[in-house]
Protein backbone atom coordinates (compact mmCIF):
# COMPACT_ATOMS: atom_id res chain seq x y z
CA MET A 1 -8.54 -35.92 38.59
CA ASP A 2 -5.41 -33.86 39.32
CA GLY A 3 -3.58 -34.26 36.60
CA PHE A 4 -6.70 -34.16 34.56
CA MET A 5 -7.05 -30.52 35.73
CA ARG A 6 -3.33 -29.59 35.40
CA ALA A 7 -3.79 -30.73 31.44
CA LEU A 8 -6.33 -28.58 31.15
CA ILE A 9 -4.32 -25.38 32.45
CA SER A 10 -1.29 -26.73 30.73
CA VAL A 11 -3.52 -26.19 27.69
CA TRP A 12 -5.40 -23.09 28.84
CA THR A 13 -1.57 -21.50 29.57
CA ASP A 14 -0.25 -22.75 26.28
CA SER A 15 -2.99 -21.59 24.17
CA GLY A 16 -3.50 -18.33 22.48
CA PHE A 17 -6.80 -17.38 24.50
CA SER A 18 -5.05 -16.76 27.87
CA ASN A 19 -2.24 -14.54 26.45
CA LEU A 20 -5.46 -12.63 23.93
CA THR A 21 -4.76 -9.10 24.88
CA TRP A 22 -7.43 -6.04 24.11
CA GLU A 23 -5.41 -4.89 21.37
CA ASN A 24 -5.54 -8.43 19.63
CA CYS A 25 -9.30 -8.21 20.00
CA VAL A 26 -9.45 -4.83 17.73
CA MET A 27 -6.71 -5.72 15.02
CA ILE A 28 -9.29 -8.83 15.23
CA LEU A 29 -12.64 -6.99 15.07
CA VAL A 30 -10.77 -4.65 12.25
CA GLY A 31 -9.76 -7.74 9.85
CA LEU A 32 -13.14 -8.66 9.97
CA VAL A 33 -14.81 -5.83 8.78
CA LEU A 34 -12.40 -5.57 5.97
CA LEU A 35 -12.83 -9.25 5.35
CA TYR A 36 -16.67 -7.73 5.92
CA LEU A 37 -16.29 -5.00 2.90
CA SER A 38 -14.03 -7.04 0.45
CA ILE A 39 -16.67 -9.94 -0.11
CA ALA A 40 -19.74 -8.97 0.88
CA LYS A 41 -19.42 -5.58 -1.24
CA GLU A 42 -16.41 -5.98 -3.43
CA TYR A 43 -14.20 -3.74 -2.41
CA GLU A 44 -11.16 -3.89 -4.28
CA PRO A 45 -11.08 -7.29 -2.78
CA LEU A 46 -7.62 -8.76 -4.55
CA LEU A 47 -5.99 -6.49 -2.18
CA LEU A 48 -8.75 -6.48 0.59
CA LEU A 49 -9.12 -9.80 1.69
CA PRO A 50 -5.49 -11.01 1.90
CA ILE A 51 -4.84 -8.00 3.51
CA ALA A 52 -7.56 -8.68 6.27
CA PHE A 53 -7.31 -12.04 6.44
CA GLY A 54 -3.66 -11.55 7.14
CA CYS A 55 -4.17 -8.97 9.96
CA ILE A 56 -6.41 -11.54 11.46
CA MET A 57 -3.68 -13.74 11.41
CA ALA A 58 -0.83 -11.60 12.50
CA ASN A 59 -2.78 -10.97 15.78
CA PHE A 60 -2.80 -15.37 17.36
CA PRO A 61 -0.82 -15.47 19.75
CA ASN A 62 2.11 -17.47 20.54
CA THR A 63 2.10 -18.50 16.86
CA GLY A 64 5.72 -18.53 16.71
CA PHE A 65 5.47 -16.57 13.40
CA GLU A 66 7.70 -13.53 14.80
CA ASP A 67 10.62 -16.48 16.31
CA GLU A 68 10.11 -19.72 13.99
CA MET A 69 10.90 -19.33 10.33
CA GLY A 70 7.75 -19.80 8.27
CA VAL A 71 5.71 -18.36 5.59
CA MET A 72 5.41 -15.40 7.99
CA MET A 73 8.62 -15.10 8.92
CA ALA A 74 9.08 -14.92 4.56
CA ILE A 75 6.29 -12.09 4.38
CA GLY A 76 8.68 -10.28 7.05
CA PHE A 77 11.81 -10.84 5.33
CA GLY A 78 10.97 -9.78 2.11
CA ILE A 79 9.30 -6.78 3.92
CA LYS A 80 12.58 -5.58 5.74
CA TYR A 81 15.21 -6.55 2.73
CA GLU A 82 12.70 -4.23 0.15
CA ILE A 83 12.40 -6.98 -1.84
CA PHE A 84 8.25 -6.71 -2.13
CA PRO A 85 8.08 -3.61 -2.38
CA PRO A 86 9.87 -3.24 -5.87
CA LEU A 87 8.09 -5.83 -6.99
CA ILE A 88 5.02 -4.60 -6.47
CA PHE A 89 6.07 -1.26 -8.22
CA MET A 90 7.07 -2.90 -11.18
CA GLY A 91 2.97 -4.21 -11.87
CA VAL A 92 2.09 -0.96 -10.62
CA GLY A 93 4.42 0.38 -13.66
CA ALA A 94 2.66 -1.47 -16.20
CA MET A 95 -0.54 -0.95 -15.39
CA THR A 96 0.16 3.06 -14.98
CA ASP A 97 -0.42 5.45 -18.31
CA PHE A 98 1.15 8.05 -18.53
CA GLY A 99 -0.29 9.75 -21.47
CA PRO A 100 -2.58 12.53 -19.97
CA LEU A 101 0.21 13.87 -17.82
CA LEU A 102 2.41 13.89 -21.35
CA ALA A 103 -0.28 15.64 -23.20
CA ASN A 104 -1.41 17.48 -20.05
CA PRO A 105 2.52 18.07 -18.41
CA LYS A 106 0.48 20.44 -16.03
CA THR A 107 -1.54 18.16 -14.66
CA MET A 108 2.03 17.19 -12.74
CA LEU A 109 1.09 20.01 -9.94
CA LEU A 110 -1.47 18.41 -8.89
CA GLY A 111 0.46 15.90 -7.04
CA ALA A 112 1.14 19.02 -5.06
CA ALA A 113 -2.01 19.00 -3.19
CA ALA A 114 -1.05 15.36 -1.81
CA GLN A 115 2.17 16.93 -0.55
CA ILE A 116 -0.37 19.12 1.92
CA GLY A 117 -1.81 16.66 3.52
CA VAL A 118 1.45 14.76 4.29
CA PHE A 119 2.58 17.48 7.14
CA VAL A 120 -0.78 17.83 7.54
CA ALA A 121 -0.95 14.00 9.04
CA LEU A 122 3.07 14.31 10.32
CA ALA A 123 2.39 17.57 12.29
CA GLY A 124 -1.05 16.08 13.90
CA ALA A 125 1.31 12.53 14.06
CA MET A 126 3.96 15.10 16.56
CA MET A 127 1.41 16.31 18.91
CA LEU A 128 -0.18 12.61 19.69
CA GLY A 129 2.86 12.08 20.88
CA PHE A 130 4.69 9.94 17.91
CA ASN A 131 8.95 10.90 17.03
CA VAL A 132 9.58 12.40 13.74
CA GLN A 133 10.72 9.40 12.20
CA GLN A 134 7.07 7.46 12.81
CA ALA A 135 5.30 11.29 12.14
CA SER A 136 6.86 11.04 8.69
CA ALA A 137 5.87 7.38 8.10
CA ILE A 138 2.02 7.95 8.52
CA GLY A 139 2.47 11.20 7.23
CA ILE A 140 3.31 9.04 3.46
CA ILE A 141 0.18 7.27 3.58
CA GLY A 142 -1.70 9.97 2.59
CA GLY A 143 0.39 11.02 -0.43
CA ALA A 144 1.54 7.90 -2.02
CA ASP A 145 0.58 4.30 -2.48
CA GLY A 146 1.50 1.28 -0.48
CA PRO A 147 4.84 0.04 -1.51
CA THR A 148 5.58 3.68 -1.25
CA ALA A 149 4.32 3.60 2.36
CA ILE A 150 5.67 0.41 3.37
CA TYR A 151 9.28 1.07 2.07
CA LEU A 152 9.09 4.45 4.11
CA ALA A 153 7.91 2.58 7.65
CA SER A 154 10.55 -0.03 6.81
CA LYS A 155 13.22 2.48 6.73
CA LEU A 156 11.79 5.10 9.44
CA ALA A 157 9.46 3.40 11.71
CA PRO A 158 9.66 -0.61 11.41
CA ASP A 159 7.90 -1.41 14.62
CA LEU A 160 4.61 1.00 12.65
CA LEU A 161 5.26 -1.44 9.81
CA GLY A 162 2.11 -3.50 10.67
CA ALA A 163 -0.05 -0.48 11.08
CA ILE A 164 1.25 1.51 8.46
CA ALA A 165 0.78 -1.29 5.63
CA VAL A 166 -2.71 -2.02 6.83
CA ALA A 167 -4.16 1.92 7.28
CA ALA A 168 -2.04 1.92 3.37
CA TYR A 169 -4.21 -0.78 1.53
CA SER A 170 -7.41 -0.36 3.47
CA TYR A 171 -7.61 3.94 2.41
CA MET A 172 -6.79 3.11 -1.09
CA SER A 173 -9.94 -0.05 -1.39
CA LEU A 174 -11.93 2.05 0.59
CA VAL A 175 -11.53 4.53 -2.07
CA PRO A 176 -15.13 4.25 -3.66
CA LEU A 177 -16.50 3.83 -0.48
CA ILE A 178 -14.67 7.24 0.74
CA GLN A 179 -14.93 9.86 -2.78
CA PRO A 180 -18.50 9.92 -3.35
CA PRO A 181 -19.78 11.92 -0.30
CA ILE A 182 -16.28 14.36 -0.68
CA MET A 183 -17.23 14.51 -4.04
CA LYS A 184 -20.58 15.66 -4.15
CA LEU A 185 -19.49 17.83 -0.91
CA MET A 186 -16.76 19.75 -2.86
CA THR A 187 -18.38 20.13 -6.42
CA THR A 188 -22.19 20.69 -7.65
CA LYS A 189 -24.26 18.65 -9.92
CA GLU A 190 -23.47 20.91 -12.80
CA GLN A 191 -19.35 20.01 -12.76
CA ARG A 192 -20.14 16.89 -12.01
CA LYS A 193 -22.13 16.42 -15.77
CA ILE A 194 -18.90 18.13 -17.53
CA LYS A 195 -17.12 16.02 -20.28
CA MET A 196 -14.28 16.01 -20.17
CA VAL A 197 -12.36 16.77 -23.35
CA ASN A 198 -10.22 14.55 -25.48
CA LEU A 199 -6.19 15.71 -24.85
CA ARG A 200 -3.96 15.45 -27.63
CA PRO A 201 -2.28 11.86 -28.93
CA VAL A 202 0.70 11.20 -27.46
CA SER A 203 3.12 9.41 -29.49
CA HIS A 204 4.95 5.89 -28.80
CA PHE A 205 8.39 7.61 -29.12
CA GLU A 206 7.25 10.42 -25.91
CA LYS A 207 5.96 7.26 -23.43
CA VAL A 208 9.09 5.25 -24.53
CA LEU A 209 10.56 8.53 -23.77
CA PHE A 210 9.22 8.79 -20.33
CA PRO A 211 9.83 5.96 -18.11
CA ILE A 212 13.65 6.62 -19.39
CA VAL A 213 14.05 9.79 -18.87
CA VAL A 214 12.29 9.70 -15.32
CA ALA A 215 14.28 6.55 -14.00
CA ILE A 216 17.58 7.97 -14.83
CA VAL A 217 16.83 11.60 -14.03
CA VAL A 218 15.11 10.45 -10.24
CA SER A 219 17.58 7.40 -9.23
CA LEU A 220 20.52 10.02 -9.75
CA LEU A 221 18.94 12.77 -7.84
CA LEU A 222 17.77 10.51 -5.09
CA PRO A 223 19.84 7.67 -5.17
CA PRO A 224 18.17 5.41 -2.33
CA VAL A 225 14.76 5.14 -4.16
CA ALA A 226 16.21 3.66 -7.36
CA ALA A 227 14.85 0.19 -6.51
CA LEU A 228 11.57 1.31 -6.33
CA MET A 229 11.60 4.28 -9.25
CA GLY A 230 13.62 1.80 -11.44
CA CYS A 231 11.49 -0.82 -11.24
CA LEU A 232 8.52 1.56 -11.68
CA CYS A 233 9.99 2.90 -14.98
CA MET A 234 10.61 -0.90 -16.43
CA GLY A 235 7.07 -1.95 -15.29
CA ASN A 236 5.74 1.07 -17.52
CA LEU A 237 8.57 0.54 -20.24
CA PHE A 238 6.87 -2.87 -20.27
CA GLU A 239 3.62 -2.13 -21.41
CA VAL A 240 4.56 0.94 -23.35
CA SER A 241 7.45 -0.97 -25.10
CA GLY A 242 5.39 -2.46 -27.37
CA VAL A 243 7.58 -5.70 -27.21
CA THR A 244 7.52 -7.18 -24.41
CA ALA A 245 3.19 -8.10 -23.65
CA ARG A 246 3.78 -10.98 -21.82
CA LEU A 247 5.91 -9.71 -19.50
CA SER A 248 3.25 -6.98 -19.07
CA ASP A 249 0.93 -9.01 -18.72
CA THR A 250 2.56 -11.38 -15.80
CA ALA A 251 3.35 -8.03 -14.19
CA GLN A 252 -0.14 -6.52 -14.35
CA ASN A 253 -1.44 -9.64 -13.29
CA ALA A 254 0.19 -13.21 -12.29
CA LEU A 255 2.92 -11.16 -10.80
């Protein structure tokens, strides 16, 4: 009987249940909510479902994910050594249409509005006790996409990488839920009925030249981001060049 009890105690001690913290429980609950939204509500399921399930898996204690070489360690390796963000950027570039920007360059100024949120979030994070590196990684979530947030977090605040990755991709996936009430609050019914006029046609030469020029200028101006911007522009070049259809399709879908 004593041996049986010792065996039961050993099983309990070695299990994840005995080491489960309230923080683990909260994040598992977050993952379950995100799973519900991705499956039941179909909010960006290709993005949100693997993130949500990964969030659940990462919060199981005693799995050895952080100590033993395996798929989870390989994923962490790919993030830490900046392999995955540039590859994701290549796909983003292939799916991005810069035509409206080229047709009306003034819209570039709209991007400045996002920077207000960056500095507000940075200041708020510092007020909550985060240091400037951590606050910078948190602030960039609202002014950039997921790969950029992951890239900056891996450089400035690797201890917050998991939380920042979940926050960055979750808010992107939940845009269909968040955006409509904000649009209704900030615009009138008449404004929402305005028909957008067609912009001037953008030539093939302009579309091809743009990613080449951006890659050269930005990489020379800010060498540390050359990998990200280079892959973004190369992915876009796959799409607009007209001669690499299979590479463009792979970057947009399979990759």
